[in-house]
Amino acid sequence: MMPLTLAPEGVKQTIRKINGKDELRRHLENLGFVEGGQVVVITELNGNMIVNVKESRIAISKQMANRIQV
């Protein structure tokens, strides 16, 4: 496993675990980041990322991306 921030761009990854407090985990789940789900890194800008989750593009901070294990 590795944090989402280390995942290569354009490669489909499976979300294995989401770390953090319940509130943060619920927020990420509401955005579509669920264990077993697919995520693709579109681009990274200064550590912040644009990812494709459930056919939607979402921008997340580096701190949030570090909590998502793929």
C-alpha atoms as a PDB file:
ATOM      1  CA  MET A   1       0.000   0.000   0.000  1.00  0.00           C
ATOM      2  CA  MET A   2       1.028   3.581  -0.612  1.00  0.00           C
ATOM      3  CA  PRO A   3      -0.575   6.992  -0.169  1.00  0.00           C
ATOM      4  CA  LEU A   4      -2.461   8.389  -3.149  1.00  0.00           C
ATOM      5  CA  THR A   5       0.143  11.165  -3.415  1.00  0.00           C
ATOM      6  CA  LEU A   6       2.694   8.578  -4.641  1.00  0.00           C
ATOM      7  CA  ALA A   7       0.410   7.027  -7.270  1.00  0.00           C
ATOM      8  CA  PRO A   8       1.394   7.645 -10.906  1.00  0.00           C
ATOM      9  CA  GLU A   9      -0.813   9.827 -13.087  1.00  0.00           C
ATOM     10  CA  GLY A  10      -3.271   8.105 -15.404  1.00  0.00           C
ATOM     11  CA  VAL A  11      -3.135   4.689 -13.711  1.00  0.00           C
ATOM     12  CA  LYS A  12      -6.309   3.224 -12.194  1.00  0.00           C
ATOM     13  CA  GLN A  13      -5.787   2.456  -8.498  1.00  0.00           C
ATOM     14  CA  THR A  14      -7.982   0.626  -5.980  1.00  0.00           C
ATOM     15  CA  ILE A  15      -8.607   2.376  -2.665  1.00  0.00           C
ATOM     16  CA  ARG A  16      -7.496  -0.025   0.062  1.00  0.00           C
ATOM     17  CA  LYS A  17      -7.883   2.079   3.224  1.00  0.00           C
ATOM     18  CA  ILE A  18      -8.802   5.572   4.361  1.00  0.00           C
ATOM     19  CA  ASN A  19      -7.033   6.829   7.468  1.00  0.00           C
ATOM     20  CA  GLY A  20      -8.195   9.630   9.735  1.00  0.00           C
ATOM     21  CA  LYS A  21     -10.939  10.626  12.098  1.00  0.00           C
ATOM     22  CA  ASP A  22     -14.524   9.530  11.445  1.00  0.00           C
ATOM     23  CA  GLU A  23     -15.527  13.029  10.300  1.00  0.00           C
ATOM     24  CA  LEU A  24     -12.802  13.147   7.638  1.00  0.00           C
ATOM     25  CA  ARG A  25     -13.526   9.588   6.510  1.00  0.00           C
ATOM     26  CA  ARG A  26     -17.245  10.403   6.126  1.00  0.00           C
ATOM     27  CA  HIS A  27     -16.385  13.533   4.130  1.00  0.00           C
ATOM     28  CA  LEU A  28     -14.173  11.531   1.748  1.00  0.00           C
ATOM     29  CA  GLU A  29     -16.847   8.830   1.440  1.00  0.00           C
ATOM     30  CA  ASN A  30     -19.401  11.506   0.496  1.00  0.00           C
ATOM     31  CA  LEU A  31     -17.013  12.619  -2.265  1.00  0.00           C
ATOM     32  CA  GLY A  32     -16.850   9.030  -3.560  1.00  0.00           C
ATOM     33  CA  PHE A  33     -13.655   7.751  -1.933  1.00  0.00           C
ATOM     34  CA  VAL A  34     -14.720   4.354  -0.584  1.00  0.00           C
ATOM     35  CA  GLU A  35     -12.624   1.284   0.169  1.00  0.00           C
ATOM     36  CA  GLY A  36     -12.581  -0.976  -2.863  1.00  0.00           C
ATOM     37  CA  GLY A  37     -13.429   1.913  -5.187  1.00  0.00           C
ATOM     38  CA  GLN A  38     -11.361   3.021  -8.167  1.00  0.00           C
ATOM     39  CA  VAL A  39      -9.434   6.294  -8.395  1.00  0.00           C
ATOM     40  CA  VAL A  40      -7.235   7.769 -11.135  1.00  0.00           C
ATOM     41  CA  VAL A  41      -4.812  10.645 -10.553  1.00  0.00           C
ATOM     42  CA  ILE A  42      -5.357  13.172 -13.349  1.00  0.00           C
ATOM     43  CA  THR A  43      -2.712  15.709 -12.339  1.00  0.00           C
ATOM     44  CA  GLU A  44      -0.763  17.039  -9.377  1.00  0.00           C
ATOM     45  CA  LEU A  45      -0.084  20.718  -8.721  1.00  0.00           C
ATOM     46  CA  ASN A  46       2.161  21.646  -5.770  1.00  0.00           C
ATOM     47  CA  GLY A  47       1.123  18.472  -3.966  1.00  0.00           C
ATOM     48  CA  ASN A  48      -2.598  19.105  -4.431  1.00  0.00           C
ATOM     49  CA  MET A  49      -4.291  16.648  -6.751  1.00  0.00           C
ATOM     50  CA  ILE A  50      -7.076  16.396  -9.265  1.00  0.00           C
ATOM     51  CA  VAL A  51      -8.443  12.859  -9.314  1.00  0.00           C
ATOM     52  CA  ASN A  52     -11.185  10.996 -11.127  1.00  0.00           C
ATOM     53  CA  VAL A  53     -13.560   9.131  -8.800  1.00  0.00           C
ATOM     54  CA  LYS A  54     -16.857   7.596  -9.924  1.00  0.00           C
ATOM     55  CA  GLU A  55     -16.741   9.508 -13.230  1.00  0.00           C
ATOM     56  CA  SER A  56     -16.247  12.858 -11.445  1.00  0.00           C
ATOM     57  CA  ARG A  57     -13.163  15.031 -11.223  1.00  0.00           C
ATOM     58  CA  ILE A  58     -12.386  16.158  -7.697  1.00  0.00           C
ATOM     59  CA  ALA A  59      -9.614  18.392  -6.374  1.00  0.00           C
ATOM     60  CA  ILE A  60      -8.192  17.350  -3.006  1.00  0.00           C
ATOM     61  CA  SER A  61      -5.392  18.679  -0.851  1.00  0.00           C
ATOM     62  CA  LYS A  62      -2.115  16.885  -0.297  1.00  0.00           C
ATOM     63  CA  GLN A  63      -3.120  16.237   3.327  1.00  0.00           C
ATOM     64  CA  MET A  64      -6.330  14.481   2.288  1.00  0.00           C
ATOM     65  CA  ALA A  65      -4.572  12.522  -0.462  1.00  0.00           C
ATOM     66  CA  ASN A  66      -2.010  11.265   2.064  1.00  0.00           C
ATOM     67  CA  ARG A  67      -4.836   9.690   4.087  1.00  0.00           C
ATOM     68  CA  ILE A  68      -6.054   7.629   1.120  1.00  0.00           C
ATOM     69  CA  GLN A  69      -4.106   4.379   0.759  1.00  0.00           C
ATOM     70  CA  VAL A  70      -4.052   2.604  -2.607  1.00  0.00           C
END
